[in-house]
Amino acid sequence: MKYNYADGKLTIFLQEEIDMNSCRILRGIIDGYIMKYQPYELVLDLSEVKFMDSSGIGLILGRYNLIKLLDSKMTIINASNSIRRLIELSNIKLECVQHE
């Protein structure tokens, strides 16, 4: 996982698979970056994610709730069609953009 922080915007580049095993590690790392930088916007770039299960939806929802506590916004970019559909079906109300 890579990240970039610039001008109040924290971008997290997620990779490969987001499943139950990877979510345990990702949750702590992402939350650490959020608390360190307290960004006005969190961007999750899913361009390298090949698979995501319900644990991934839980990961996204948890970060969304944390970002809302900071009165910030969250955007998902470059999700595949299947992952974007999974996000839509989960009824998470956030912006999902194909290309930034």
PDB file of N, CA and C in Angstrom:
ATOM      1  N   MET A   1       0.834  -1.171   0.000  1.00  0.00           N
ATOM      2  CA  MET A   1       0.000   0.000   0.000  1.00  0.00           C
ATOM      3  C   MET A   1       0.885   1.243   0.000  1.00  0.00           C
ATOM      4  N   LYS A   2       0.514   2.176  -0.858  1.00  0.00           N
ATOM      5  CA  LYS A   2       1.220   3.449  -0.922  1.00  0.00           C
ATOM      6  C   LYS A   2       0.249   4.545  -0.521  1.00  0.00           C
ATOM      7  N   TYR A   3       0.804   5.699  -0.172  1.00  0.00           N
ATOM      8  CA  TYR A   3      -0.046   6.847   0.131  1.00  0.00           C
ATOM      9  C   TYR A   3       0.655   8.122  -0.290  1.00  0.00           C
ATOM     10  N   ASN A   4      -0.154   9.178  -0.420  1.00  0.00           N
ATOM     11  CA  ASN A   4       0.365  10.497  -0.725  1.00  0.00           C
ATOM     12  C   ASN A   4      -0.462  11.510   0.063  1.00  0.00           C
ATOM     13  N   TYR A   5       0.224  12.437   0.700  1.00  0.00           N
ATOM     14  CA  TYR A   5      -0.471  13.519   1.392  1.00  0.00           C
ATOM     15  C   TYR A   5       0.033  14.844   0.850  1.00  0.00           C
ATOM     16  N   ALA A   6      -0.882  15.674   0.371  1.00  0.00           N
ATOM     17  CA  ALA A   6      -0.518  16.987  -0.156  1.00  0.00           C
ATOM     18  C   ALA A   6      -1.699  17.929  -0.020  1.00  0.00           C
ATOM     19  N   ASP A   7      -1.430  19.095   0.505  1.00  0.00           N
ATOM     20  CA  ASP A   7      -2.432  20.162   0.593  1.00  0.00           C
ATOM     21  C   ASP A   7      -3.736  19.713   1.257  1.00  0.00           C
ATOM     22  N   GLY A   8      -3.633  18.931   2.302  1.00  0.00           N
ATOM     23  CA  GLY A   8      -4.820  18.522   3.045  1.00  0.00           C
ATOM     24  C   GLY A   8      -5.563  17.327   2.478  1.00  0.00           C
ATOM     25  N   LYS A   9      -5.041  16.751   1.419  1.00  0.00           N
ATOM     26  CA  LYS A   9      -5.687  15.616   0.755  1.00  0.00           C
ATOM     27  C   LYS A   9      -4.817  14.368   0.925  1.00  0.00           C
ATOM     28  N   LEU A  10      -5.387  13.333   1.529  1.00  0.00           N
ATOM     29  CA  LEU A  10      -4.688  12.068   1.750  1.00  0.00           C
ATOM     30  C   LEU A  10      -5.203  11.049   0.748  1.00  0.00           C
ATOM     31  N   THR A  11      -4.311  10.560  -0.107  1.00  0.00           N
ATOM     32  CA  THR A  11      -4.668   9.539  -1.093  1.00  0.00           C
ATOM     33  C   THR A  11      -4.002   8.233  -0.703  1.00  0.00           C
ATOM     34  N   ILE A  12      -4.810   7.194  -0.595  1.00  0.00           N
ATOM     35  CA  ILE A  12      -4.327   5.855  -0.278  1.00  0.00           C
ATOM     36  C   ILE A  12      -4.494   4.992  -1.527  1.00  0.00           C
ATOM     37  N   PHE A  13      -3.412   4.367  -1.965  1.00  0.00           N
ATOM     38  CA  PHE A  13      -3.424   3.499  -3.143  1.00  0.00           C
ATOM     39  C   PHE A  13      -3.474   2.050  -2.656  1.00  0.00           C
ATOM     40  N   LEU A  14      -4.653   1.459  -2.730  1.00  0.00           N
ATOM     41  CA  LEU A  14      -4.813   0.070  -2.285  1.00  0.00           C
ATOM     42  C   LEU A  14      -4.458  -0.874  -3.425  1.00  0.00           C
ATOM     43  N   GLN A  15      -4.046  -2.114  -3.062  1.00  0.00           N
ATOM     44  CA  GLN A  15      -3.554  -3.038  -4.072  1.00  0.00           C
ATOM     45  C   GLN A  15      -4.121  -4.442  -3.893  1.00  0.00           C
ATOM     46  N   GLU A  16      -4.131  -5.177  -5.005  1.00  0.00           N
ATOM     47  CA  GLU A  16      -4.446  -6.597  -5.081  1.00  0.00           C
ATOM     48  C   GLU A  16      -5.807  -6.971  -4.526  1.00  0.00           C
ATOM     49  N   GLU A  17      -5.832  -7.583  -3.326  1.00  0.00           N
ATOM     50  CA  GLU A  17      -7.072  -8.090  -2.740  1.00  0.00           C
ATOM     51  C   GLU A  17      -7.382  -7.392  -1.428  1.00  0.00           C
ATOM     52  N   ILE A  18      -8.644  -7.047  -1.267  1.00  0.00           N
ATOM     53  CA  ILE A  18      -9.104  -6.500   0.006  1.00  0.00           C
ATOM     54  C   ILE A  18     -10.084  -7.516   0.569  1.00  0.00           C
ATOM     55  N   ASP A  19      -9.575  -8.338   1.466  1.00  0.00           N
ATOM     56  CA  ASP A  19     -10.392  -9.393   2.073  1.00  0.00           C
ATOM     57  C   ASP A  19     -10.185  -9.385   3.581  1.00  0.00           C
ATOM     58  N   MET A  20     -10.749 -10.373   4.263  1.00  0.00           N
ATOM     59  CA  MET A  20     -10.703 -10.406   5.723  1.00  0.00           C
ATOM     60  C   MET A  20      -9.272 -10.323   6.259  1.00  0.00           C
ATOM     61  N   ASN A  21      -8.353 -11.029   5.647  1.00  0.00           N
ATOM     62  CA  ASN A  21      -6.966 -11.037   6.131  1.00  0.00           C
ATOM     63  C   ASN A  21      -6.271  -9.693   5.938  1.00  0.00           C
ATOM     64  N   SER A  22      -6.403  -9.107   4.767  1.00  0.00           N
ATOM     65  CA  SER A  22      -5.723  -7.846   4.502  1.00  0.00           C
ATOM     66  C   SER A  22      -6.374  -6.685   5.252  1.00  0.00           C
ATOM     67  N   CYS A  23      -7.671  -6.748   5.495  1.00  0.00           N
ATOM     68  CA  CYS A  23      -8.380  -5.648   6.175  1.00  0.00           C
ATOM     69  C   CYS A  23      -7.871  -5.424   7.594  1.00  0.00           C
ATOM     70  N   ARG A  24      -7.488  -6.461   8.258  1.00  0.00           N
ATOM     71  CA  ARG A  24      -6.967  -6.317   9.625  1.00  0.00           C
ATOM     72  C   ARG A  24      -5.755  -5.393   9.651  1.00  0.00           C
ATOM     73  N   ILE A  25      -4.883  -5.567   8.704  1.00  0.00           N
ATOM     74  CA  ILE A  25      -3.665  -4.755   8.631  1.00  0.00           C
ATOM     75  C   ILE A  25      -3.982  -3.366   8.081  1.00  0.00           C
ATOM     76  N   LEU A  26      -4.757  -3.314   6.984  1.00  0.00           N
ATOM     77  CA  LEU A  26      -5.063  -2.042   6.335  1.00  0.00           C
ATOM     78  C   LEU A  26      -5.791  -1.074   7.261  1.00  0.00           C
ATOM     79  N   ARG A  27      -6.708  -1.593   8.046  1.00  0.00           N
ATOM     80  CA  ARG A  27      -7.490  -0.749   8.955  1.00  0.00           C
ATOM     81  C   ARG A  27      -6.577   0.077   9.856  1.00  0.00           C
ATOM     82  N   GLY A  28      -5.633  -0.567  10.496  1.00  0.00           N
ATOM     83  CA  GLY A  28      -4.721   0.129  11.402  1.00  0.00           C
ATOM     84  C   GLY A  28      -3.828   1.127  10.690  1.00  0.00           C
ATOM     85  N   ILE A  29      -3.335   0.751   9.529  1.00  0.00           N
ATOM     86  CA  ILE A  29      -2.448   1.632   8.776  1.00  0.00           C
ATOM     87  C   ILE A  29      -3.192   2.875   8.287  1.00  0.00           C
ATOM     88  N   ILE A  30      -4.349   2.668   7.669  1.00  0.00           N
ATOM     89  CA  ILE A  30      -5.117   3.798   7.135  1.00  0.00           C
ATOM     90  C   ILE A  30      -5.564   4.720   8.264  1.00  0.00           C
ATOM     91  N   ASP A  31      -6.073   4.139   9.358  1.00  0.00           N
ATOM     92  CA  ASP A  31      -6.501   4.964  10.490  1.00  0.00           C
ATOM     93  C   ASP A  31      -5.337   5.769  11.061  1.00  0.00           C
ATOM     94  N   GLY A  32      -4.160   5.182  11.070  1.00  0.00           N
ATOM     95  CA  GLY A  32      -2.974   5.898  11.536  1.00  0.00           C
ATOM     96  C   GLY A  32      -2.680   7.115  10.678  1.00  0.00           C
ATOM     97  N   TYR A  33      -2.760   6.958   9.349  1.00  0.00           N
ATOM     98  CA  TYR A  33      -2.546   8.084   8.441  1.00  0.00           C
ATOM     99  C   TYR A  33      -3.624   9.148   8.618  1.00  0.00           C
ATOM    100  N   ILE A  34      -4.870   8.706   8.781  1.00  0.00           N
ATOM    101  CA  ILE A  34      -5.969   9.662   8.972  1.00  0.00           C
ATOM    102  C   ILE A  34      -5.744  10.473  10.239  1.00  0.00           C
ATOM    103  N   MET A  35      -5.383   9.830  11.316  1.00  0.00           N
ATOM    104  CA  MET A  35      -5.193  10.539  12.578  1.00  0.00           C
ATOM    105  C   MET A  35      -3.945  11.428  12.538  1.00  0.00           C
ATOM    106  N   LYS A  36      -2.935  10.983  11.825  1.00  0.00           N
ATOM    107  CA  LYS A  36      -1.712  11.776  11.721  1.00  0.00           C
ATOM    108  C   LYS A  36      -1.939  13.060  10.920  1.00  0.00           C
ATOM    109  N   TYR A  37      -2.591  12.935   9.768  1.00  0.00           N
ATOM    110  CA  TYR A  37      -2.738  14.070   8.862  1.00  0.00           C
ATOM    111  C   TYR A  37      -4.059  14.826   9.020  1.00  0.00           C
ATOM    112  N   GLN A  38      -5.078  14.170   9.528  1.00  0.00           N
ATOM    113  CA  GLN A  38      -6.416  14.748   9.649  1.00  0.00           C
ATOM    114  C   GLN A  38      -6.787  15.528   8.381  1.00  0.00           C
ATOM    115  N   PRO A  39      -6.883  14.810   7.262  1.00  0.00           N
ATOM    116  CA  PRO A  39      -7.088  15.469   5.969  1.00  0.00           C
ATOM    117  C   PRO A  39      -8.499  16.041   5.819  1.00  0.00           C
ATOM    118  N   TYR A  40      -8.628  17.022   4.929  1.00  0.00           N
ATOM    119  CA  TYR A  40      -9.965  17.517   4.595  1.00  0.00           C
ATOM    120  C   TYR A  40     -10.642  16.550   3.622  1.00  0.00           C
ATOM    121  N   GLU A  41      -9.822  15.720   2.924  1.00  0.00           N
ATOM    122  CA  GLU A  41     -10.371  14.719   2.015  1.00  0.00           C
ATOM    123  C   GLU A  41      -9.510  13.461   2.046  1.00  0.00           C
ATOM    124  N   LEU A  42     -10.184  12.315   2.116  1.00  0.00           N
ATOM    125  CA  LEU A  42      -9.531  11.015   1.977  1.00  0.00           C
ATOM    126  C   LEU A  42      -9.948  10.445   0.634  1.00  0.00           C
ATOM    127  N   VAL A  43      -8.961  10.071  -0.177  1.00  0.00           N
ATOM    128  CA  VAL A  43      -9.212   9.457  -1.476  1.00  0.00           C
ATOM    129  C   VAL A  43      -8.666   8.042  -1.427  1.00  0.00           C
ATOM    130  N   LEU A  44      -9.518   7.066  -1.731  1.00  0.00           N
ATOM    131  CA  LEU A  44      -9.081   5.676  -1.845  1.00  0.00           C
ATOM    132  C   LEU A  44      -9.001   5.337  -3.329  1.00  0.00           C
ATOM    133  N   ASP A  45      -7.796   5.089  -3.809  1.00  0.00           N
ATOM    134  CA  ASP A  45      -7.573   4.718  -5.207  1.00  0.00           C
ATOM    135  C   ASP A  45      -7.569   3.197  -5.293  1.00  0.00           C
ATOM    136  N   LEU A  46      -8.562   2.656  -5.991  1.00  0.00           N
ATOM    137  CA  LEU A  46      -8.712   1.201  -6.093  1.00  0.00           C
ATOM    138  C   LEU A  46      -8.271   0.653  -7.450  1.00  0.00           C
ATOM    139  N   SER A  47      -7.479   1.419  -8.194  1.00  0.00           N
ATOM    140  CA  SER A  47      -7.100   1.000  -9.547  1.00  0.00           C
ATOM    141  C   SER A  47      -6.336  -0.320  -9.570  1.00  0.00           C
ATOM    142  N   GLU A  48      -5.628  -0.664  -8.510  1.00  0.00           N
ATOM    143  CA  GLU A  48      -4.851  -1.903  -8.462  1.00  0.00           C
ATOM    144  C   GLU A  48      -5.568  -3.040  -7.729  1.00  0.00           C
ATOM    145  N   VAL A  49      -6.789  -2.794  -7.265  1.00  0.00           N
ATOM    146  CA  VAL A  49      -7.531  -3.815  -6.512  1.00  0.00           C
ATOM    147  C   VAL A  49      -8.228  -4.753  -7.494  1.00  0.00           C
ATOM    148  N   LYS A  50      -7.917  -6.033  -7.375  1.00  0.00           N
ATOM    149  CA  LYS A  50      -8.488  -7.057  -8.262  1.00  0.00           C
ATOM    150  C   LYS A  50      -9.689  -7.756  -7.646  1.00  0.00           C
ATOM    151  N   PHE A  51      -9.761  -7.779  -6.305  1.00  0.00           N
ATOM    152  CA  PHE A  51     -10.828  -8.490  -5.609  1.00  0.00           C
ATOM    153  C   PHE A  51     -11.149  -7.773  -4.304  1.00  0.00           C
ATOM    154  N   MET A  52     -12.443  -7.701  -3.980  1.00  0.00           N
ATOM    155  CA  MET A  52     -12.858  -7.159  -2.695  1.00  0.00           C
ATOM    156  C   MET A  52     -14.097  -7.911  -2.242  1.00  0.00           C
ATOM    157  N   ASP A  53     -14.104  -8.343  -0.974  1.00  0.00           N
ATOM    158  CA  ASP A  53     -15.272  -9.017  -0.422  1.00  0.00           C
ATOM    159  C   ASP A  53     -15.971  -8.102   0.585  1.00  0.00           C
ATOM    160  N   SER A  54     -16.888  -8.637   1.350  1.00  0.00           N
ATOM    161  CA  SER A  54     -17.653  -7.826   2.295  1.00  0.00           C
ATOM    162  C   SER A  54     -16.767  -7.197   3.370  1.00  0.00           C
ATOM    163  N   SER A  55     -15.633  -7.801   3.667  1.00  0.00           N
ATOM    164  CA  SER A  55     -14.699  -7.202   4.615  1.00  0.00           C
ATOM    165  C   SER A  55     -14.161  -5.880   4.061  1.00  0.00           C
ATOM    166  N   GLY A  56     -13.970  -5.810   2.761  1.00  0.00           N
ATOM    167  CA  GLY A  56     -13.529  -4.583   2.117  1.00  0.00           C
ATOM    168  C   GLY A  56     -14.579  -3.484   2.231  1.00  0.00           C
ATOM    169  N   ILE A  57     -15.838  -3.875   2.099  1.00  0.00           N
ATOM    170  CA  ILE A  57     -16.922  -2.911   2.284  1.00  0.00           C
ATOM    171  C   ILE A  57     -16.898  -2.397   3.724  1.00  0.00           C
ATOM    172  N   GLY A  58     -16.682  -3.286   4.674  1.00  0.00           N
ATOM    173  CA  GLY A  58     -16.575  -2.875   6.076  1.00  0.00           C
ATOM    174  C   GLY A  58     -15.408  -1.932   6.292  1.00  0.00           C
ATOM    175  N   LEU A  59     -14.287  -2.200   5.630  1.00  0.00           N
ATOM    176  CA  LEU A  59     -13.119  -1.319   5.718  1.00  0.00           C
ATOM    177  C   LEU A  59     -13.459   0.074   5.203  1.00  0.00           C
ATOM    178  N   ILE A  60     -14.097   0.138   4.049  1.00  0.00           N
ATOM    179  CA  ILE A  60     -14.474   1.423   3.461  1.00  0.00           C
ATOM    180  C   ILE A  60     -15.469   2.156   4.358  1.00  0.00           C
ATOM    181  N   LEU A  61     -16.475   1.448   4.838  1.00  0.00           N
ATOM    182  CA  LEU A  61     -17.490   2.068   5.678  1.00  0.00           C
ATOM    183  C   LEU A  61     -16.893   2.608   6.978  1.00  0.00           C
ATOM    184  N   GLY A  62     -15.991   1.865   7.577  1.00  0.00           N
ATOM    185  CA  GLY A  62     -15.333   2.320   8.799  1.00  0.00           C
ATOM    186  C   GLY A  62     -14.503   3.570   8.587  1.00  0.00           C
ATOM    187  N   ARG A  63     -13.762   3.652   7.477  1.00  0.00           N
ATOM    188  CA  ARG A  63     -12.965   4.843   7.181  1.00  0.00           C
ATOM    189  C   ARG A  63     -13.880   6.011   6.860  1.00  0.00           C
ATOM    190  N   TYR A  64     -14.982   5.738   6.188  1.00  0.00           N
ATOM    191  CA  TYR A  64     -15.968   6.777   5.886  1.00  0.00           C
ATOM    192  C   TYR A  64     -16.508   7.386   7.185  1.00  0.00           C
ATOM    193  N   ASN A  65     -16.855   6.545   8.136  1.00  0.00           N
ATOM    194  CA  ASN A  65     -17.363   7.037   9.426  1.00  0.00           C
ATOM    195  C   ASN A  65     -16.304   7.838  10.174  1.00  0.00           C
ATOM    196  N   LEU A  66     -15.058   7.394  10.127  1.00  0.00           N
ATOM    197  CA  LEU A  66     -13.973   8.125  10.784  1.00  0.00           C
ATOM    198  C   LEU A  66     -13.750   9.493  10.134  1.00  0.00           C
ATOM    199  N   ILE A  67     -13.766   9.532   8.816  1.00  0.00           N
ATOM    200  CA  ILE A  67     -13.581  10.785   8.086  1.00  0.00           C
ATOM    201  C   ILE A  67     -14.720  11.756   8.395  1.00  0.00           C
ATOM    202  N   LYS A  68     -15.938  11.240   8.504  1.00  0.00           N
ATOM    203  CA  LYS A  68     -17.084  12.093   8.830  1.00  0.00           C
ATOM    204  C   LYS A  68     -16.923  12.711  10.216  1.00  0.00           C
ATOM    205  N   LEU A  69     -16.344  11.971  11.159  1.00  0.00           N
ATOM    206  CA  LEU A  69     -16.102  12.518  12.496  1.00  0.00           C
ATOM    207  C   LEU A  69     -15.153  13.718  12.444  1.00  0.00           C
ATOM    208  N   LEU A  70     -14.272  13.729  11.457  1.00  0.00           N
ATOM    209  CA  LEU A  70     -13.329  14.836  11.281  1.00  0.00           C
ATOM    210  C   LEU A  70     -13.918  15.953  10.417  1.00  0.00           C
ATOM    211  N   ASP A  71     -15.204  15.802  10.053  1.00  0.00           N
ATOM    212  CA  ASP A  71     -15.892  16.757   9.197  1.00  0.00           C
ATOM    213  C   ASP A  71     -15.173  16.896   7.856  1.00  0.00           C
ATOM    214  N   SER A  72     -14.697  15.765   7.338  1.00  0.00           N
ATOM    215  CA  SER A  72     -13.993  15.714   6.057  1.00  0.00           C
ATOM    216  C   SER A  72     -14.817  14.911   5.068  1.00  0.00           C
ATOM    217  N   LYS A  73     -14.302  14.777   3.862  1.00  0.00           N
ATOM    218  CA  LYS A  73     -15.019  13.989   2.861  1.00  0.00           C
ATOM    219  C   LYS A  73     -14.149  12.842   2.360  1.00  0.00           C
ATOM    220  N   MET A  74     -14.806  11.863   1.764  1.00  0.00           N
ATOM    221  CA  MET A  74     -14.110  10.688   1.237  1.00  0.00           C
ATOM    222  C   MET A  74     -14.582  10.422  -0.175  1.00  0.00           C
ATOM    223  N   THR A  75     -13.635  10.079  -1.037  1.00  0.00           N
ATOM    224  CA  THR A  75     -13.921   9.759  -2.430  1.00  0.00           C
ATOM    225  C   THR A  75     -13.208   8.466  -2.782  1.00  0.00           C
ATOM    226  N   ILE A  76     -13.865   7.641  -3.578  1.00  0.00           N
ATOM    227  CA  ILE A  76     -13.235   6.434  -4.117  1.00  0.00           C
ATOM    228  C   ILE A  76     -13.001   6.674  -5.596  1.00  0.00           C
ATOM    229  N   ILE A  77     -11.794   6.379  -6.053  1.00  0.00           N
ATOM    230  CA  ILE A  77     -11.494   6.554  -7.474  1.00  0.00           C
ATOM    231  C   ILE A  77     -10.983   5.248  -8.072  1.00  0.00           C
ATOM    232  N   ASN A  78     -11.228   5.116  -9.372  1.00  0.00           N
ATOM    233  CA  ASN A  78     -10.682   4.027 -10.196  1.00  0.00           C
ATOM    234  C   ASN A  78     -11.075   2.631  -9.725  1.00  0.00           C
ATOM    235  N   ALA A  79     -12.293   2.485  -9.219  1.00  0.00           N
ATOM    236  CA  ALA A  79     -12.776   1.146  -8.855  1.00  0.00           C
ATOM    237  C   ALA A  79     -13.226   0.421 -10.122  1.00  0.00           C
ATOM    238  N   SER A  80     -12.985  -0.878 -10.173  1.00  0.00           N
ATOM    239  CA  SER A  80     -13.474  -1.668 -11.304  1.00  0.00           C
ATOM    240  C   SER A  80     -15.008  -1.669 -11.276  1.00  0.00           C
ATOM    241  N   ASN A  81     -15.612  -2.065 -12.381  1.00  0.00           N
ATOM    242  CA  ASN A  81     -17.073  -2.106 -12.448  1.00  0.00           C
ATOM    243  C   ASN A  81     -17.668  -2.998 -11.372  1.00  0.00           C
ATOM    244  N   SER A  82     -17.062  -4.160 -11.151  1.00  0.00           N
ATOM    245  CA  SER A  82     -17.612  -5.084 -10.153  1.00  0.00           C
ATOM    246  C   SER A  82     -17.470  -4.538  -8.733  1.00  0.00           C
ATOM    247  N   ILE A  83     -16.361  -3.886  -8.445  1.00  0.00           N
ATOM    248  CA  ILE A  83     -16.171  -3.305  -7.111  1.00  0.00           C
ATOM    249  C   ILE A  83     -17.084  -2.098  -6.928  1.00  0.00           C
ATOM    250  N   ARG A  84     -17.240  -1.289  -7.965  1.00  0.00           N
ATOM    251  CA  ARG A  84     -18.145  -0.145  -7.888  1.00  0.00           C
ATOM    252  C   ARG A  84     -19.578  -0.620  -7.636  1.00  0.00           C
ATOM    253  N   ARG A  85     -19.961  -1.679  -8.285  1.00  0.00           N
ATOM    254  CA  ARG A  85     -21.306  -2.251  -8.089  1.00  0.00           C
ATOM    255  C   ARG A  85     -21.477  -2.746  -6.655  1.00  0.00           C
ATOM    256  N   LEU A  86     -20.461  -3.403  -6.112  1.00  0.00           N
ATOM    257  CA  LEU A  86     -20.502  -3.878  -4.727  1.00  0.00           C
ATOM    258  C   LEU A  86     -20.669  -2.703  -3.762  1.00  0.00           C
ATOM    259  N   ILE A  87     -19.977  -1.614  -4.022  1.00  0.00           N
ATOM    260  CA  ILE A  87     -20.099  -0.416  -3.185  1.00  0.00           C
ATOM    261  C   ILE A  87     -21.506   0.158  -3.285  1.00  0.00           C
ATOM    262  N   GLU A  88     -22.041   0.224  -4.508  1.00  0.00           N
ATOM    263  CA  GLU A  88     -23.398   0.744  -4.694  1.00  0.00           C
ATOM    264  C   GLU A  88     -24.430  -0.126  -3.976  1.00  0.00           C
ATOM    265  N   LEU A  89     -24.283  -1.437  -4.064  1.00  0.00           N
ATOM    266  CA  LEU A  89     -25.218  -2.351  -3.412  1.00  0.00           C
ATOM    267  C   LEU A  89     -25.161  -2.258  -1.892  1.00  0.00           C
ATOM    268  N   SER A  90     -24.027  -1.844  -1.370  1.00  0.00           N
ATOM    269  CA  SER A  90     -23.882  -1.726   0.086  1.00  0.00           C
ATOM    270  C   SER A  90     -24.548  -0.461   0.616  1.00  0.00           C
ATOM    271  N   ASN A  91     -24.986   0.408  -0.305  1.00  0.00           N
ATOM    272  CA  ASN A  91     -25.711   1.632   0.061  1.00  0.00           C
ATOM    273  C   ASN A  91     -24.839   2.652   0.788  1.00  0.00           C
ATOM    274  N   ILE A  92     -23.528   2.632   0.548  1.00  0.00           N
ATOM    275  CA  ILE A  92     -22.636   3.652   1.101  1.00  0.00           C
ATOM    276  C   ILE A  92     -22.797   4.900   0.244  1.00  0.00           C
ATOM    277  N   LYS A  93     -23.065   6.011   0.889  1.00  0.00           N
ATOM    278  CA  LYS A  93     -23.331   7.272   0.173  1.00  0.00           C
ATOM    279  C   LYS A  93     -22.044   8.083   0.069  1.00  0.00           C
ATOM    280  N   LEU A  94     -21.198   7.743  -0.888  1.00  0.00           N
ATOM    281  CA  LEU A  94     -19.992   8.529  -1.128  1.00  0.00           C
ATOM    282  C   LEU A  94     -19.697   8.565  -2.605  1.00  0.00           C
ATOM    283  N   GLU A  95     -18.859   9.492  -2.985  1.00  0.00           N
ATOM    284  CA  GLU A  95     -18.539   9.689  -4.387  1.00  0.00           C
ATOM    285  C   GLU A  95     -17.602   8.588  -4.874  1.00  0.00           C
ATOM    286  N   CYS A  96     -17.970   8.007  -6.010  1.00  0.00           N
ATOM    287  CA  CYS A  96     -17.168   6.955  -6.610  1.00  0.00           C
ATOM    288  C   CYS A  96     -16.868   7.382  -8.062  1.00  0.00           C
ATOM    289  N   VAL A  97     -15.622   7.802  -8.299  1.00  0.00           N
ATOM    290  CA  VAL A  97     -15.204   8.382  -9.576  1.00  0.00           C
ATOM    291  C   VAL A  97     -14.322   7.389 -10.314  1.00  0.00           C
ATOM    292  N   GLN A  98     -14.500   7.320 -11.638  1.00  0.00           N
ATOM    293  CA  GLN A  98     -13.689   6.385 -12.400  1.00  0.00           C
ATOM    294  C   GLN A  98     -12.254   6.859 -12.572  1.00  0.00           C
ATOM    295  N   HIS A  99     -12.056   8.096 -12.943  1.00  0.00           N
ATOM    296  CA  HIS A  99     -10.703   8.619 -13.119  1.00  0.00           C
ATOM    297  C   HIS A  99     -10.618   9.971 -12.462  1.00  0.00           C
ATOM    298  N   GLU A 100      -9.515  10.229 -11.797  1.00  0.00           N
ATOM    299  CA  GLU A 100      -9.334  11.544 -11.148  1.00  0.00           C
ATOM    300  C   GLU A 100      -8.697  12.496 -12.111  1.00  0.00           C
TER     301      GLU A 100
END
